[in-house]
C-alpha atoms as a PDB file:
ATOM      1  CA  MET A   1     122.140  97.834  83.901  1.00  0.00           C
ATOM      2  CA  LYS A   2     118.647  97.046  82.609  1.00  0.00           C
ATOM      3  CA  LYS A   3     119.235  99.058  79.419  1.00  0.00           C
ATOM      4  CA  PHE A   4     122.541  97.257  78.851  1.00  0.00           C
ATOM      5  CA  PHE A   5     120.913  93.903  79.452  1.00  0.00           C
ATOM      6  CA  ARG A   6     118.058  94.750  77.080  1.00  0.00           C
ATOM      7  CA  ARG A   7     120.516  95.629  74.295  1.00  0.00           C
ATOM      8  CA  THR A   8     122.467  92.441  74.909  1.00  0.00           C
ATOM      9  CA  LEU A   9     119.323  90.345  74.941  1.00  0.00           C
ATOM     10  CA  ALA A  10     118.120  91.962  71.718  1.00  0.00           C
ATOM     11  CA  THR A  11     121.373  91.043  70.001  1.00  0.00           C
ATOM     12  CA  LEU A  12     121.328  87.458  71.209  1.00  0.00           C
ATOM     13  CA  LEU A  13     117.665  86.730  70.623  1.00  0.00           C
ATOM     14  CA  ILE A  14     117.181  88.978  67.549  1.00  0.00           C
ATOM     15  CA  VAL A  15     113.486  89.479  68.270  1.00  0.00           C
ATOM     16  CA  ALA A  16     113.780  91.658  71.364  1.00  0.00           C
ATOM     17  CA  GLY A  17     112.343  95.125  70.897  1.00  0.00           C
ATOM     18  CA  ILE A  18     111.201  94.382  67.322  1.00  0.00           C
ATOM     19  CA  PHE A  19     107.611  95.096  66.367  1.00  0.00           C
ATOM     20  CA  LEU A  20     105.681  93.395  63.649  1.00  0.00           C
ATOM     21  CA  LEU A  21     103.309  95.959  62.181  1.00  0.00           C
ATOM     22  CA  THR A  22     100.328  94.750  60.178  1.00  0.00           C
ATOM     23  CA  THR A  23      97.671  96.925  58.624  1.00  0.00           C
ATOM     24  CA  VAL A  24      94.151  95.519  58.487  1.00  0.00           C
ATOM     25  CA  ALA A  25      90.844  96.757  57.095  1.00  0.00           C
ATOM     26  CA  HIS A  26      92.094  99.652  54.986  1.00  0.00           C
ATOM     27  CA  ALA A  27      94.530 101.050  57.575  1.00  0.00           C
ATOM     28  CA  GLU A  28      91.769 101.477  60.189  1.00  0.00           C
ATOM     29  CA  VAL A  29      93.172  98.773  62.473  1.00  0.00           C
ATOM     30  CA  GLN A  30      96.827  98.199  63.191  1.00  0.00           C
ATOM     31  CA  THR A  31      98.400  95.219  64.962  1.00  0.00           C
ATOM     32  CA  TYR A  32     101.636  95.207  66.928  1.00  0.00           C
ATOM     33  CA  THR A  33     103.676  92.330  68.290  1.00  0.00           C
ATOM     34  CA  SER A  34     106.174  93.333  70.958  1.00  0.00           C
ATOM     35  CA  GLU A  35     108.361  91.735  73.582  1.00  0.00           C
ATOM     36  CA  GLY A  36     108.785  92.602  77.237  1.00  0.00           C
ATOM     37  CA  ILE A  37     111.225  91.451  79.888  1.00  0.00           C
ATOM     38  CA  TYR A  38     111.547  91.609  83.664  1.00  0.00           C
ATOM     39  CA  ILE A  39     114.284  90.353  85.996  1.00  0.00           C
ATOM     40  CA  MET A  40     112.581  88.699  88.954  1.00  0.00           C
ATOM     41  CA  SER A  41     114.409  88.417  92.275  1.00  0.00           C
ATOM     42  CA  LYS A  42     113.788  85.474  94.584  1.00  0.00           C
ATOM     43  CA  ALA A  43     111.854  87.794  96.863  1.00  0.00           C
ATOM     44  CA  GLU A  44     109.176  88.431  94.208  1.00  0.00           C
ATOM     45  CA  THR A  45     106.223  86.301  93.125  1.00  0.00           C
ATOM     46  CA  LEU A  46     106.064  84.825  89.626  1.00  0.00           C
ATOM     47  CA  GLU A  47     102.546  86.071  88.823  1.00  0.00           C
ATOM     48  CA  ILE A  48     103.408  89.692  89.558  1.00  0.00           C
ATOM     49  CA  ALA A  49     106.755  89.415  87.752  1.00  0.00           C
ATOM     50  CA  ARG A  50     104.873  88.181  84.685  1.00  0.00           C
ATOM     51  CA  GLU A  51     102.485  91.141  84.903  1.00  0.00           C
ATOM     52  CA  LYS A  52     105.495  93.485  84.954  1.00  0.00           C
ATOM     53  CA  ALA A  53     107.010  91.803  81.897  1.00  0.00           C
ATOM     54  CA  LYS A  54     103.656  92.102  80.124  1.00  0.00           C
ATOM     55  CA  ALA A  55     103.437  95.788  81.110  1.00  0.00           C
ATOM     56  CA  ASP A  56     106.923  96.280  79.638  1.00  0.00           C
ATOM     57  CA  ALA A  57     105.760  94.770  76.341  1.00  0.00           C
ATOM     58  CA  MET A  58     102.601  96.921  76.365  1.00  0.00           C
ATOM     59  CA  ARG A  59     104.686 100.075  76.847  1.00  0.00           C
ATOM     60  CA  TYR A  60     106.639  99.318  73.681  1.00  0.00           C
ATOM     61  CA  ALA A  61     103.450  98.513  71.761  1.00  0.00           C
ATOM     62  CA  CYS A  62     101.915 101.805  72.937  1.00  0.00           C
ATOM     63  CA  GLU A  63     104.980 103.743  71.800  1.00  0.00           C
ATOM     64  CA  GLN A  64     104.606 102.311  68.317  1.00  0.00           C
ATOM     65  CA  ALA A  65     100.829 102.854  68.388  1.00  0.00           C
ATOM     66  CA  GLY A  66     101.485 106.530  69.092  1.00  0.00           C
ATOM     67  CA  VAL A  67     102.607 106.926  65.478  1.00  0.00           C
ATOM     68  CA  PHE A  68      99.210 105.627  64.344  1.00  0.00           C
ATOM     69  CA  VAL A  69      97.398 107.970  66.761  1.00  0.00           C
ATOM     70  CA  LYS A  70      99.285 110.947  65.305  1.00  0.00           C
ATOM     71  CA  SER A  71      98.329 109.888  61.788  1.00  0.00           C
ATOM     72  CA  VAL A  72      94.631 109.571  62.640  1.00  0.00           C
ATOM     73  CA  SER A  73      94.620 112.922  64.471  1.00  0.00           C
ATOM     74  CA  ARG A  74      96.214 114.696  61.497  1.00  0.00           C
ATOM     75  CA  LYS A  75      93.465 113.409  59.195  1.00  0.00           C
ATOM     76  CA  LYS A  76      90.980 114.798  61.713  1.00  0.00           C
ATOM     77  CA  ASN A  77      92.907 118.105  61.769  1.00  0.00           C
ATOM     78  CA  SER A  78      93.365 117.669  65.510  1.00  0.00           C
ATOM     79  CA  LYS A  79      96.629 118.742  67.142  1.00  0.00           C
ATOM     80  CA  LEU A  80      97.710 116.570  70.055  1.00  0.00           C
ATOM     81  CA  VAL A  81     100.388 117.098  72.682  1.00  0.00           C
ATOM     82  CA  GLU A  82     102.635 114.166  73.599  1.00  0.00           C
ATOM     83  CA  ASP A  83     100.759 113.386  76.845  1.00  0.00           C
ATOM     84  CA  GLU A  84      97.495 113.087  74.905  1.00  0.00           C
ATOM     85  CA  ILE A  85      99.063 110.735  72.377  1.00  0.00           C
ATOM     86  CA  THR A  86     100.403 108.546  75.188  1.00  0.00           C
ATOM     87  CA  THR A  87      97.026 108.526  76.945  1.00  0.00           C
ATOM     88  CA  ILE A  88      95.075 107.636  73.793  1.00  0.00           C
ATOM     89  CA  ALA A  89      97.461 104.831  72.841  1.00  0.00           C
ATOM     90  CA  SER A  90      97.490 103.324  76.318  1.00  0.00           C
ATOM     91  CA  THR A  91      93.717 103.465  76.821  1.00  0.00           C
ATOM     92  CA  VAL A  92      92.415 102.264  73.435  1.00  0.00           C
ATOM     93  CA  ILE A  93      94.990  99.585  72.578  1.00  0.00           C
ATOM     94  CA  LYS A  94      93.768  96.042  73.240  1.00  0.00           C
ATOM     95  CA  LEU A  95      95.363  92.621  73.582  1.00  0.00           C
ATOM     96  CA  VAL A  96      94.058  90.271  70.876  1.00  0.00           C
ATOM     97  CA  GLU A  97      95.791  87.075  71.982  1.00  0.00           C
ATOM     98  CA  GLU A  98      96.920  85.483  75.219  1.00  0.00           C
ATOM     99  CA  PRO A  99     100.481  86.610  76.064  1.00  0.00           C
ATOM    100  CA  HIS A 100     103.186  84.041  75.271  1.00  0.00           C
ATOM    101  CA  PHE A 101     105.654  83.524  78.130  1.00  0.00           C
ATOM    102  CA  PHE A 102     109.002  81.901  77.383  1.00  0.00           C
ATOM    103  CA  PRO A 103     110.616  79.337  79.708  1.00  0.00           C
ATOM    104  CA  LEU A 104     112.267  80.894  82.758  1.00  0.00           C
ATOM    105  CA  GLU A 105     115.982  81.640  82.467  1.00  0.00           C
ATOM    106  CA  GLU A 106     118.513  82.053  85.267  1.00  0.00           C
ATOM    107  CA  VAL A 107     120.518  85.287  85.016  1.00  0.00           C
ATOM    108  CA  ASP A 108     123.557  84.820  87.250  1.00  0.00           C
ATOM    109  CA  ASN A 109     125.192  88.219  86.739  1.00  0.00           C
ATOM    110  CA  LEU A 110     121.948  90.001  87.648  1.00  0.00           C
ATOM    111  CA  GLN A 111     121.092  87.519  90.420  1.00  0.00           C
ATOM    112  CA  GLY A 112     117.591  86.821  89.220  1.00  0.00           C
ATOM    113  CA  ILE A 113     115.303  85.037  86.794  1.00  0.00           C
ATOM    114  CA  LEU A 114     114.485  86.402  83.343  1.00  0.00           C
ATOM    115  CA  ILE A 115     110.776  86.671  82.568  1.00  0.00           C
ATOM    116  CA  ARG A 116     110.261  87.136  78.822  1.00  0.00           C
ATOM    117  CA  VAL A 117     106.920  87.546  77.041  1.00  0.00           C
ATOM    118  CA  THR A 118     105.531  88.475  73.630  1.00  0.00           C
ATOM    119  CA  ILE A 119     102.125  90.081  73.147  1.00  0.00           C
ATOM    120  CA  LYS A 120      99.913  90.953  70.200  1.00  0.00           C
ATOM    121  CA  ALA A 121      97.820  94.118  70.489  1.00  0.00           C
ATOM    122  CA  GLN A 122      95.585  96.140  68.192  1.00  0.00           C
ATOM    123  CA  ILE A 123      94.476  99.745  67.942  1.00  0.00           C
ATOM    124  CA  ASP A 124      91.375 100.823  65.989  1.00  0.00           C
ATOM    125  CA  SER A 125      91.056 104.224  64.345  1.00  0.00           C
ATOM    126  CA  ASP A 126      87.384 104.366  65.401  1.00  0.00           C
ATOM    127  CA  ASP A 127      88.434 104.211  69.063  1.00  0.00           C
ATOM    128  CA  VAL A 128      90.954 106.987  68.463  1.00  0.00           C
ATOM    129  CA  LEU A 129      88.293 109.145  66.785  1.00  0.00           C
ATOM    130  CA  LYS A 130      85.892 108.586  69.701  1.00  0.00           C
ATOM    131  CA  TRP A 131      88.585 109.825  72.066  1.00  0.00           C
ATOM    132  CA  LEU A 132      89.185 112.900  69.899  1.00  0.00           C
ATOM    133  CA  GLU A 133      85.462 113.727  70.093  1.00  0.00           C
ATOM    134  CA  LYS A 134      85.608 114.112  73.888  1.00  0.00           C
ATOM    135  CA  ASP A 135      85.371 117.663  75.182  1.00  0.00           C
ATOM    136  CA  GLU A 136      88.523 119.433  76.321  1.00  0.00           C
ATOM    137  CA  ARG A 137      87.872 119.155  80.067  1.00  0.00           C
ATOM    138  CA  GLU A 138      87.309 115.410  79.882  1.00  0.00           C
ATOM    139  CA  ARG A 139      90.459 114.962  77.814  1.00  0.00           C
ATOM    140  CA  ILE A 140      92.471 116.937  80.351  1.00  0.00           C
ATOM    141  CA  ALA A 141      91.053 114.793  83.168  1.00  0.00           C
ATOM    142  CA  LEU A 142      91.920 111.552  81.353  1.00  0.00           C
ATOM    143  CA  VAL A 143      95.459 112.707  80.601  1.00  0.00           C
ATOM    144  CA  SER A 144      95.895 113.731  84.235  1.00  0.00           C
ATOM    145  CA  GLU A 145      94.639 110.330  85.432  1.00  0.00           C
ATOM    146  CA  ASN A 146      96.928 108.455  83.047  1.00  0.00           C
ATOM    147  CA  GLU A 147      99.918 110.554  84.112  1.00  0.00           C
ATOM    148  CA  ALA A 148      99.149 109.928  87.795  1.00  0.00           C
ATOM    149  CA  LEU A 149      99.010 106.171  87.201  1.00  0.00           C
ATOM    150  CA  ARG A 150     102.247 106.234  85.216  1.00  0.00           C
ATOM    151  CA  LYS A 151     103.993 108.205  87.930  1.00  0.00           C
ATOM    152  CA  ALA A 152     102.742 105.869  90.673  1.00  0.00           C
ATOM    153  CA  ASN A 153     103.891 102.791  88.722  1.00  0.00           C
ATOM    154  CA  ASP A 154     107.284 104.336  87.983  1.00  0.00           C
ATOM    155  CA  GLU A 155     107.804 105.218  91.639  1.00  0.00           C
ATOM    156  CA  LYS A 156     106.886 101.678  92.668  1.00  0.00           C
ATOM    157  CA  ASP A 157     109.242 100.166  90.080  1.00  0.00           C
ATOM    158  CA  GLU A 158     112.066 102.446  91.213  1.00  0.00           C
ATOM    159  CA  GLN A 159     111.457 101.512  94.833  1.00  0.00           C
ATOM    160  CA  ILE A 160     111.612  97.781  94.075  1.00  0.00           C
ATOM    161  CA  ALA A 161     114.700  98.256  91.865  1.00  0.00           C
ATOM    162  CA  GLU A 162     116.526  99.972  94.751  1.00  0.00           C
ATOM    163  CA  LEU A 163     115.475  97.256  97.175  1.00  0.00           C
ATOM    164  CA  LYS A 164     116.764  94.576  94.789  1.00  0.00           C
ATOM    165  CA  LYS A 165     120.138  96.353  94.660  1.00  0.00           C
ATOM    166  CA  GLU A 166     120.226  96.432  98.457  1.00  0.00           C
ATOM    167  CA  LEU A 167     119.336  92.742  98.556  1.00  0.00           C
ATOM    168  CA  ALA A 168     122.205  91.873  96.210  1.00  0.00           C
ATOM    169  CA  ALA A 169     124.648  93.813  98.395  1.00  0.00           C
ATOM    170  CA  ALA A 170     123.315  92.569 101.754  1.00  0.00           C
ATOM    171  CA  LYS A 171     125.751  90.513 103.837  1.00  0.00           C
ATOM    172  CA  SER A 172     123.839  89.083 106.771  1.00  0.00           C
ATOM    173  CA  ALA A 173     120.880  86.722 106.621  1.00  0.00           C
ATOM    174  CA  GLN A 174     118.927  89.095 108.867  1.00  0.00           C
ATOM    175  CA  GLU A 175     119.464  92.026 106.518  1.00  0.00           C
ATOM    176  CA  LYS A 176     118.472  89.962 103.478  1.00  0.00           C
ATOM    177  CA  GLU A 177     115.268  88.848 105.190  1.00  0.00           C
ATOM    178  CA  ARG A 178     114.389  92.442 106.083  1.00  0.00           C
ATOM    179  CA  ILE A 179     114.825  93.568 102.461  1.00  0.00           C
ATOM    180  CA  ARG A 180     112.829  90.606 101.132  1.00  0.00           C
ATOM    181  CA  GLN A 181     110.003  91.620 103.459  1.00  0.00           C
ATOM    182  CA  GLU A 182     110.122  95.198 102.148  1.00  0.00           C
ATOM    183  CA  ILE A 183     109.894  93.908  98.574  1.00  0.00           C
ATOM    184  CA  SER A 184     106.952  91.728  99.552  1.00  0.00           C
ATOM    185  CA  ASP A 185     105.241  94.690 101.251  1.00  0.00           C
ATOM    186  CA  SER A 186     105.750  96.786  98.111  1.00  0.00           C
ATOM    187  CA  GLU A 187     104.094  94.057  96.012  1.00  0.00           C
ATOM    188  CA  ARG A 188     101.085  94.187  98.336  1.00  0.00           C
ATOM    189  CA  THR A 189     100.562  97.968  98.025  1.00  0.00           C
ATOM    190  CA  TYR A 190      98.460  99.356  95.152  1.00  0.00           C
ATOM    191  CA  THR A 191      97.198 102.756  93.982  1.00  0.00           C
ATOM    192  CA  GLY A 192      93.639 103.208  92.743  1.00  0.00           C
ATOM    193  CA  ILE A 193      91.876 106.130  91.035  1.00  0.00           C
ATOM    194  CA  GLY A 194      88.117 106.662  91.029  1.00  0.00           C
ATOM    195  CA  LYS A 195      85.829 109.312  89.531  1.00  0.00           C
ATOM    196  CA  HIS A 196      82.240 110.243  90.333  1.00  0.00           C
ATOM    197  CA  TYR A 197      79.999 112.761  88.564  1.00  0.00           C
ATOM    198  CA  MET A 198      77.866 114.423  91.232  1.00  0.00           C
ATOM    199  CA  ASP A 199      74.120 113.970  90.815  1.00  0.00           C
ATOM    200  CA  GLU A 200      71.716 116.824  91.590  1.00  0.00           C
ATOM    201  CA  SER A 201      70.231 114.810  94.463  1.00  0.00           C
ATOM    202  CA  GLU A 202      73.602 114.134  96.127  1.00  0.00           C
ATOM    203  CA  THR A 203      75.548 116.048  98.720  1.00  0.00           C
ATOM    204  CA  ALA A 204      79.257 116.746  98.265  1.00  0.00           C
ATOM    205  CA  GLU A 205      80.122 114.279 101.035  1.00  0.00           C
ATOM    206  CA  ILE A 206      78.165 111.452  99.388  1.00  0.00           C
ATOM    207  CA  SER A 207      79.740 112.182  95.998  1.00  0.00           C
ATOM    208  CA  LYS A 208      83.255 112.216  97.465  1.00  0.00           C
ATOM    209  CA  GLU A 209      82.601 108.906  99.212  1.00  0.00           C
ATOM    210  CA  ARG A 210      81.432 107.336  95.950  1.00  0.00           C
ATOM    211  CA  ALA A 211      84.578 108.547  94.166  1.00  0.00           C
ATOM    212  CA  LYS A 212      86.630 107.069  97.003  1.00  0.00           C
ATOM    213  CA  GLN A 213      84.829 103.716  96.737  1.00  0.00           C
ATOM    214  CA  ARG A 214      85.527 103.613  93.001  1.00  0.00           C
ATOM    215  CA  ALA A 215      89.201 104.289  93.667  1.00  0.00           C
ATOM    216  CA  ILE A 216      89.239 101.454  96.180  1.00  0.00           C
ATOM    217  CA  ARG A 217      87.604  99.130  93.644  1.00  0.00           C
ATOM    218  CA  ASP A 218      90.236 100.124  91.077  1.00  0.00           C
ATOM    219  CA  ALA A 219      93.014  99.254  93.537  1.00  0.00           C
ATOM    220  CA  GLN A 220      91.253  95.998  94.413  1.00  0.00           C
ATOM    221  CA  GLU A 221      91.287  94.885  90.779  1.00  0.00           C
ATOM    222  CA  LYS A 222      95.036  95.503  90.594  1.00  0.00           C
ATOM    223  CA  ALA A 223      95.560  93.685  93.901  1.00  0.00           C
ATOM    224  CA  GLY A 224      93.741  90.659  92.461  1.00  0.00           C
ATOM    225  CA  VAL A 225      96.946  89.664  90.627  1.00  0.00           C
ATOM    226  CA  TYR A 226      98.802  89.314  93.922  1.00  0.00           C
ATOM    227  CA  LEU A 227      95.896  87.466  95.522  1.00  0.00           C
ATOM    228  CA  THR A 228      95.748  84.960  92.649  1.00  0.00           C
ATOM    229  CA  SER A 229      99.454  84.234  93.071  1.00  0.00           C
ATOM    230  CA  PHE A 230      99.201  83.985  96.859  1.00  0.00           C
ATOM    231  CA  SER A 231      96.209  81.632  96.812  1.00  0.00           C
ATOM    232  CA  ARG A 232      97.842  79.337  94.250  1.00  0.00           C
ATOM    233  CA  ALA A 233     100.962  79.158  96.411  1.00  0.00           C
ATOM    234  CA  ALA A 234      98.693  78.153  99.278  1.00  0.00           C
ATOM    235  CA  GLY A 235      97.211  75.373  97.125  1.00  0.00           C
ATOM    236  CA  VAL A 236      93.803  77.024  96.725  1.00  0.00           C
ATOM    237  CA  GLN A 237      92.039  77.722  93.431  1.00  0.00           C
ATOM    238  CA  LEU A 238      89.696  80.716  93.685  1.00  0.00           C
ATOM    239  CA  THR A 239      87.238  81.838  91.015  1.00  0.00           C
ATOM    240  CA  ALA A 240      87.347  85.361  89.570  1.00  0.00           C
ATOM    241  CA  ASP A 241      84.288  86.343  91.657  1.00  0.00           C
ATOM    242  CA  GLU A 242      85.903  84.939  94.807  1.00  0.00           C
ATOM    243  CA  ILE A 243      89.118  86.831  94.044  1.00  0.00           C
ATOM    244  CA  SER A 244      87.116  90.058  93.735  1.00  0.00           C
ATOM    245  CA  ALA A 245      85.153  89.411  96.937  1.00  0.00           C
ATOM    246  CA  VAL A 246      88.084  88.410  99.114  1.00  0.00           C
ATOM    247  CA  THR A 247      90.210  91.324  97.865  1.00  0.00           C
ATOM    248  CA  ALA A 248      87.435  93.722  98.898  1.00  0.00           C
ATOM    249  CA  ASN A 249      87.594  92.323 102.427  1.00  0.00           C
ATOM    250  CA  ILE A 250      91.342  92.090 103.068  1.00  0.00           C
ATOM    251  CA  ILE A 251      92.700  95.500 102.117  1.00  0.00           C
ATOM    252  CA  LYS A 252      93.653  98.425 104.326  1.00  0.00           C
ATOM    253  CA  VAL A 253      93.081 101.872 102.810  1.00  0.00           C
ATOM    254  CA  SER A 254      95.508 104.758 103.323  1.00  0.00           C
ATOM    255  CA  ASP A 255      96.631 108.037 101.716  1.00  0.00           C
ATOM    256  CA  VAL A 256      93.216 109.152 100.453  1.00  0.00           C
ATOM    257  CA  LYS A 257      93.241 112.246  98.225  1.00  0.00           C
ATOM    258  CA  ILE A 258      90.063 113.746  96.697  1.00  0.00           C
ATOM    259  CA  GLU A 259      89.912 116.607  94.183  1.00  0.00           C
ATOM    260  CA  LYS A 260      86.996 118.582  92.733  1.00  0.00           C
ATOM    261  CA  GLU A 261      86.592 119.729  89.124  1.00  0.00           C
ATOM    262  CA  LEU A 262      83.784 121.712  87.458  1.00  0.00           C
ATOM    263  CA  LEU A 263      82.677 120.673  83.957  1.00  0.00           C
ATOM    264  CA  TYR A 264      80.377 122.243  81.363  1.00  0.00           C
ATOM    265  CA  ASP A 265      80.545 125.764  82.829  1.00  0.00           C
ATOM    266  CA  GLY A 266      79.964 124.477  86.337  1.00  0.00           C
ATOM    267  CA  GLN A 267      76.874 122.431  85.516  1.00  0.00           C
ATOM    268  CA  ILE A 268      78.538 119.144  86.475  1.00  0.00           C
ATOM    269  CA  VAL A 269      80.863 118.474  89.404  1.00  0.00           C
ATOM    270  CA  LEU A 270      83.474 115.743  88.979  1.00  0.00           C
ATOM    271  CA  TRP A 271      85.144 114.286  92.078  1.00  0.00           C
ATOM    272  CA  THR A 272      88.402 112.338  91.583  1.00  0.00           C
ATOM    273  CA  ALA A 273      89.769 110.176  94.404  1.00  0.00           C
ATOM    274  CA  THR A 274      93.222 108.589  94.666  1.00  0.00           C
ATOM    275  CA  VAL A 275      93.879 105.937  97.312  1.00  0.00           C
ATOM    276  CA  LYS A 276      96.585 103.503  98.322  1.00  0.00           C
ATOM    277  CA  VAL A 277      95.646 100.077  99.660  1.00  0.00           C
ATOM    278  CA  LYS A 278      97.644  97.285 101.255  1.00  0.00           C
ATOM    279  CA  ILE A 279      96.669  93.617 101.300  1.00  0.00           C
ATOM    280  CA  ASN A 280      96.333  91.810 104.609  1.00  0.00           C
ATOM    281  CA  THR A 281      97.375  88.268 103.654  1.00  0.00           C
ATOM    282  CA  ASP A 282      96.028  86.787 106.894  1.00  0.00           C
ATOM    283  CA  GLY A 283      92.560  87.668 105.676  1.00  0.00           C
ATOM    284  CA  ILE A 284      92.961  85.317 102.700  1.00  0.00           C
ATOM    285  CA  TYR A 285      93.106  82.269 104.963  1.00  0.00           C
ATOM    286  CA  ASP A 286      90.167  83.577 106.993  1.00  0.00           C
ATOM    287  CA  PHE A 287      88.088  83.875 103.826  1.00  0.00           C
ATOM    288  CA  ILE A 288      89.016  80.378 102.650  1.00  0.00           C
ATOM    289  CA  LYS A 289      87.814  78.893 105.961  1.00  0.00           C
ATOM    290  CA  ARG A 290      84.469  80.732 105.997  1.00  0.00           C
ATOM    291  CA  ASP A 291      81.224  78.840 105.426  1.00  0.00           C
ATOM    292  CA  ASP A 292      79.413  81.870 104.006  1.00  0.00           C
ATOM    293  CA  LYS A 293      81.757  82.508 101.052  1.00  0.00           C
ATOM    294  CA  ALA A 294      78.883  82.243  98.584  1.00  0.00           C
ATOM    295  CA  THR A 295      76.938  84.992 100.419  1.00  0.00           C
ATOM    296  CA  ILE A 296      79.984  87.283 100.499  1.00  0.00           C
ATOM    297  CA  VAL A 297      80.572  86.751  96.774  1.00  0.00           C
ATOM    298  CA  GLN A 298      76.917  87.464  95.979  1.00  0.00           C
ATOM    299  CA  LYS A 299      76.914  90.728  97.954  1.00  0.00           C
ATOM    300  CA  ASN A 300      80.150  91.793  96.281  1.00  0.00           C
ATOM    301  CA  ASN A 301      78.696  91.053  92.827  1.00  0.00           C
ATOM    302  CA  GLU A 302      75.568  93.064  93.673  1.00  0.00           C
ATOM    303  CA  LEU A 303      77.736  96.012  94.704  1.00  0.00           C
ATOM    304  CA  ARG A 304      79.685  95.805  91.445  1.00  0.00           C
ATOM    305  CA  GLU A 305      76.446  95.796  89.448  1.00  0.00           C
ATOM    306  CA  ALA A 306      75.184  98.824  91.394  1.00  0.00           C
ATOM    307  CA  ILE A 307      78.389 100.701  90.550  1.00  0.00           C
ATOM    308  CA  LYS A 308      77.961  99.833  86.864  1.00  0.00           C
ATOM    309  CA  ARG A 309      74.387 101.171  86.918  1.00  0.00           C
ATOM    310  CA  ASN A 310      75.553 104.360  88.595  1.00  0.00           C
ATOM    311  CA  ASP A 311      78.314 104.746  86.014  1.00  0.00           C
ATOM    312  CA  LYS A 312      75.777 104.361  83.215  1.00  0.00           C
ATOM    313  CA  GLN A 313      73.572 107.040  84.789  1.00  0.00           C
ATOM    314  CA  ALA A 314      76.600 109.322  85.093  1.00  0.00           C
ATOM    315  CA  GLU A 315      77.395 108.881  81.401  1.00  0.00           C
ATOM    316  CA  GLU A 316      73.781 109.691  80.503  1.00  0.00           C
ATOM    317  CA  LEU A 317      73.980 112.805  82.679  1.00  0.00           C
ATOM    318  CA  LYS A 318      77.191 113.882  80.964  1.00  0.00           C
ATOM    319  CA  ALA A 319      75.655 113.319  77.530  1.00  0.00           C
ATOM    320  CA  LYS A 320      72.604 115.342  78.512  1.00  0.00           C
ATOM    321  CA  PHE A 321      74.622 118.417  79.509  1.00  0.00           C
ATOM    322  CA  LYS A 322      77.028 117.982  76.605  1.00  0.00           C
ATOM    323  CA  ASN A 323      74.164 118.016  74.093  1.00  0.00           C
ATOM    324  CA  SER A 324      72.423 120.947  75.772  1.00  0.00           C
ATOM    325  CA  SER A 325      75.656 122.987  75.775  1.00  0.00           C
ATOM    326  CA  ARG A 326      75.939 122.567  72.006  1.00  0.00           C
ATOM    327  CA  LYS A 327      72.508 124.074  71.388  1.00  0.00           C
END
């Protein structure tokens, strides 16, 4: 149904699915304009529906950017498999303008609201070349991470799509309310991935815990979209730092998975953690009422800065072993 609707929409609006490709700075930077759509049910929030429409547009931009990635890799005499091309395109492409959302449109035959957006994104050959310079193990890890994220997002989209079908077919008010609640619960569940390069002074347990905390932080950032929507609906405007702090305090972690990988002939240990988190919306109101919000935000910011410092040290450690292995 979605594919049929997309083809119909493309015919009616002309611009759907069309990319404007512009070459800048001697073919080193390429710009793509693409359109994304999402059919929002009444059980979904507008902010998250917009994010899904934007993700749809980014997928199409990344597909087109893959052609550019192939071209750059050929000049570098580097052979890439399809998963690598997808990973490079999706990780180095950048939005260069604020997304443009069109006015909402009722879609009676699909029982929902059409969210339509256009984006402009760029990909730089220098960023592609930097990716190609990574060692094989790191490239494999990045491709694996990107594939895991894609799979998790696809599974979530499929789950919501099935629930929306059930909602459309539901007869009783009780059944409709149950399905709406399931859709809402799905919106409040996020998957995060975190990596930690084990330091010589650390134990395995400490390293695994740090990878887990990074995965939780990754999921928290994704959950911030839902929190922004929820707080606005409640008539409360929260700053970006407050969003980050409150998200860290209102999630429940589940389904933790941690894997070990040896890099540079076993000289460096990489721990990768995958977690699922669910937002406790009651905690949002509790945070809003607290008198010590500023203290909570400050502590959360300090933790974020500590993670950044640790990440920088990890990169320096990687560079050290990478350079020594070349000698």
